[in-house]
C-alpha atoms as a PDB file:
ATOM      1  CA  MET A   1      14.320 -22.010 -21.276  1.00  0.00           C
ATOM      2  CA  PRO A   2      12.179 -18.973 -20.775  1.00  0.00           C
ATOM      3  CA  THR A   3      11.140 -17.430 -16.832  1.00  0.00           C
ATOM      4  CA  ASP A   4       8.239 -15.433 -15.376  1.00  0.00           C
ATOM      5  CA  PRO A   5       9.068 -11.639 -15.491  1.00  0.00           C
ATOM      6  CA  PRO A   6       9.883 -10.436 -11.903  1.00  0.00           C
ATOM      7  CA  PRO A   7       6.900  -8.731 -10.110  1.00  0.00           C
ATOM      8  CA  GLU A   8       6.178  -5.542 -11.038  1.00  0.00           C
ATOM      9  CA  GLU A   9       7.125  -3.271  -8.372  1.00  0.00           C
ATOM     10  CA  LEU A  10       3.750  -1.653  -6.865  1.00  0.00           C
ATOM     11  CA  ARG A  11       3.253   2.327  -5.333  1.00  0.00           C
ATOM     12  CA  LEU A  12       0.486   3.070  -3.517  1.00  0.00           C
ATOM     13  CA  VAL A  13      -1.513   6.390  -2.661  1.00  0.00           C
ATOM     14  CA  VAL A  14      -4.454   6.841   0.107  1.00  0.00           C
ATOM     15  CA  ASP A  15      -6.007   9.995  -0.568  1.00  0.00           C
ATOM     16  CA  LEU A  16      -6.463  10.744   3.196  1.00  0.00           C
ATOM     17  CA  ASN A  17      -8.003  13.849   2.791  1.00  0.00           C
ATOM     18  CA  ARG A  18     -10.903  11.178   1.565  1.00  0.00           C
ATOM     19  CA  CYS A  19     -10.355   8.059   3.824  1.00  0.00           C
ATOM     20  CA  GLN A  20     -12.827   7.785   6.839  1.00  0.00           C
ATOM     21  CA  SER A  21     -10.892   5.492   8.528  1.00  0.00           C
ATOM     22  CA  TYR A  22     -13.378   2.561   8.114  1.00  0.00           C
ATOM     23  CA  GLY A  23     -10.233   0.279   8.557  1.00  0.00           C
ATOM     24  CA  GLN A  24     -11.189  -2.203   5.644  1.00  0.00           C
ATOM     25  CA  CYS A  25      -7.759  -2.572   3.916  1.00  0.00           C
ATOM     26  CA  VAL A  26      -5.895  -2.755   7.296  1.00  0.00           C
ATOM     27  CA  TYR A  27      -8.964  -6.283   7.134  1.00  0.00           C
ATOM     28  CA  ALA A  28      -7.843  -7.025   3.991  1.00  0.00           C
ATOM     29  CA  ALA A  29      -3.535  -6.305   3.868  1.00  0.00           C
ATOM     30  CA  PRO A  30      -2.160  -5.973   7.221  1.00  0.00           C
ATOM     31  CA  THR A  31       1.342  -6.236   6.330  1.00  0.00           C
ATOM     32  CA  VAL A  32       0.721  -2.709   4.332  1.00  0.00           C
ATOM     33  CA  PHE A  33      -1.844  -0.688   6.046  1.00  0.00           C
ATOM     34  CA  ARG A  34      -2.262  -0.069   9.923  1.00  0.00           C
ATOM     35  CA  PHE A  35      -3.851   2.476  12.119  1.00  0.00           C
ATOM     36  CA  HIS A  36      -1.686   4.549  14.179  1.00  0.00           C
ATOM     37  CA  GLY A  37      -3.877   5.638  17.282  1.00  0.00           C
ATOM     38  CA  GLU A  38      -7.453   5.665  16.492  1.00  0.00           C
ATOM     39  CA  GLU A  39      -7.844   6.756  13.285  1.00  0.00           C
ATOM     40  CA  ALA A  40      -4.710   7.788  12.196  1.00  0.00           C
ATOM     41  CA  LEU A  41      -4.064   5.510   8.664  1.00  0.00           C
ATOM     42  CA  GLU A  42      -0.377   4.302   7.847  1.00  0.00           C
ATOM     43  CA  TYR A  43       0.970   2.760   4.810  1.00  0.00           C
ATOM     44  CA  ASP A  44       3.947   1.174   3.072  1.00  0.00           C
ATOM     45  CA  TYR A  45       3.219   3.068  -0.277  1.00  0.00           C
ATOM     46  CA  ALA A  46       6.061   0.778  -2.019  1.00  0.00           C
ATOM     47  CA  PRO A  47       4.634  -2.563  -0.873  1.00  0.00           C
ATOM     48  CA  ASP A  48       6.260  -5.698  -1.784  1.00  0.00           C
ATOM     49  CA  PRO A  49       4.975  -7.555  -5.379  1.00  0.00           C
ATOM     50  CA  GLY A  50       4.290 -10.580  -2.977  1.00  0.00           C
ATOM     51  CA  THR A  51       1.341  -8.850  -1.157  1.00  0.00           C
ATOM     52  CA  ARG A  52      -0.858  -7.606  -4.900  1.00  0.00           C
ATOM     53  CA  ARG A  53      -3.631  -9.628  -4.047  1.00  0.00           C
ATOM     54  CA  GLU A  54      -4.081  -8.903  -0.618  1.00  0.00           C
ATOM     55  CA  VAL A  55      -3.203  -4.729  -1.778  1.00  0.00           C
ATOM     56  CA  GLU A  56      -5.831  -5.283  -4.444  1.00  0.00           C
ATOM     57  CA  ARG A  57      -8.126  -6.729  -2.442  1.00  0.00           C
ATOM     58  CA  ALA A  58      -8.211  -3.560   0.007  1.00  0.00           C
ATOM     59  CA  ALA A  59      -8.290  -1.091  -2.522  1.00  0.00           C
ATOM     60  CA  ALA A  60     -11.638  -3.195  -3.553  1.00  0.00           C
ATOM     61  CA  ALA A  61     -12.821  -2.345  -0.373  1.00  0.00           C
ATOM     62  CA  CYS A  62     -12.676   0.712   0.203  1.00  0.00           C
ATOM     63  CA  PRO A  63     -16.305   2.436   0.617  1.00  0.00           C
ATOM     64  CA  VAL A  64     -14.613   5.965  -0.212  1.00  0.00           C
ATOM     65  CA  GLN A  65     -12.200   3.983  -2.863  1.00  0.00           C
ATOM     66  CA  ALA A  66      -9.316   6.436  -1.486  1.00  0.00           C
ATOM     67  CA  ILE A  67      -7.008   3.490  -2.471  1.00  0.00           C
ATOM     68  CA  LEU A  68      -4.930   4.065  -5.656  1.00  0.00           C
ATOM     69  CA  LEU A  69      -2.803   1.284  -7.110  1.00  0.00           C
ATOM     70  CA  ALA A  70       0.106   2.061  -9.439  1.00  0.00           C
ATOM     71  CA  ARG A  71       2.864   0.777 -10.956  1.00  0.00           C
ATOM     72  CA  ALA A  72       5.687   2.003 -10.151  1.00  0.00           C
ATOM     73  CA  THR A  73       7.759   4.135 -12.762  1.00  0.00           C
ATOM     74  CA  GLU A  74      10.614   4.824 -10.355  1.00  0.00           C
ATOM     75  CA  PRO A  75      12.892   2.481  -7.625  1.00  0.00           C
ATOM     76  CA  ALA A  76      11.484   3.562  -4.109  1.00  0.00           C
ATOM     77  CA  PRO A  77      13.783   5.855  -2.259  1.00  0.00           C
ATOM     78  CA  LEU A  78      16.224   4.053   0.430  1.00  0.00           C
ATOM     79  CA  ALA A  79      14.885   5.409   3.753  1.00  0.00           C
ATOM     80  CA  PRO A  80      17.295   8.031   5.387  1.00  0.00           C
ATOM     81  CA  GLU A  81      19.694   6.880   7.753  1.00  0.00           C
ATOM     82  CA  ARG A  82      18.451   8.224  10.887  1.00  0.00           C
ATOM     83  CA  ALA A  83      21.152  10.965  13.085  1.00  0.00           C
ATOM     84  CA  ARG A  84      23.708   9.584  15.424  1.00  0.00           C
END
């Protein structure tokens, strides 16, 4: 019996020089994009594949097209352990 292939990992790049902090991405995919302070955009550069639809909507909603979405070619690096 065939099984569905696993979802591809996503990689996200935001051109922060182009971004004007309109926040449409935050509304479209709040689990991936968020503001730190009033205008500094933070985002998960390797979002869960299950958020693909929301991330695609966020990229399409960006008025300055600052969001690029691609298929991962390498696994995401692990977060470094904090110094004790």
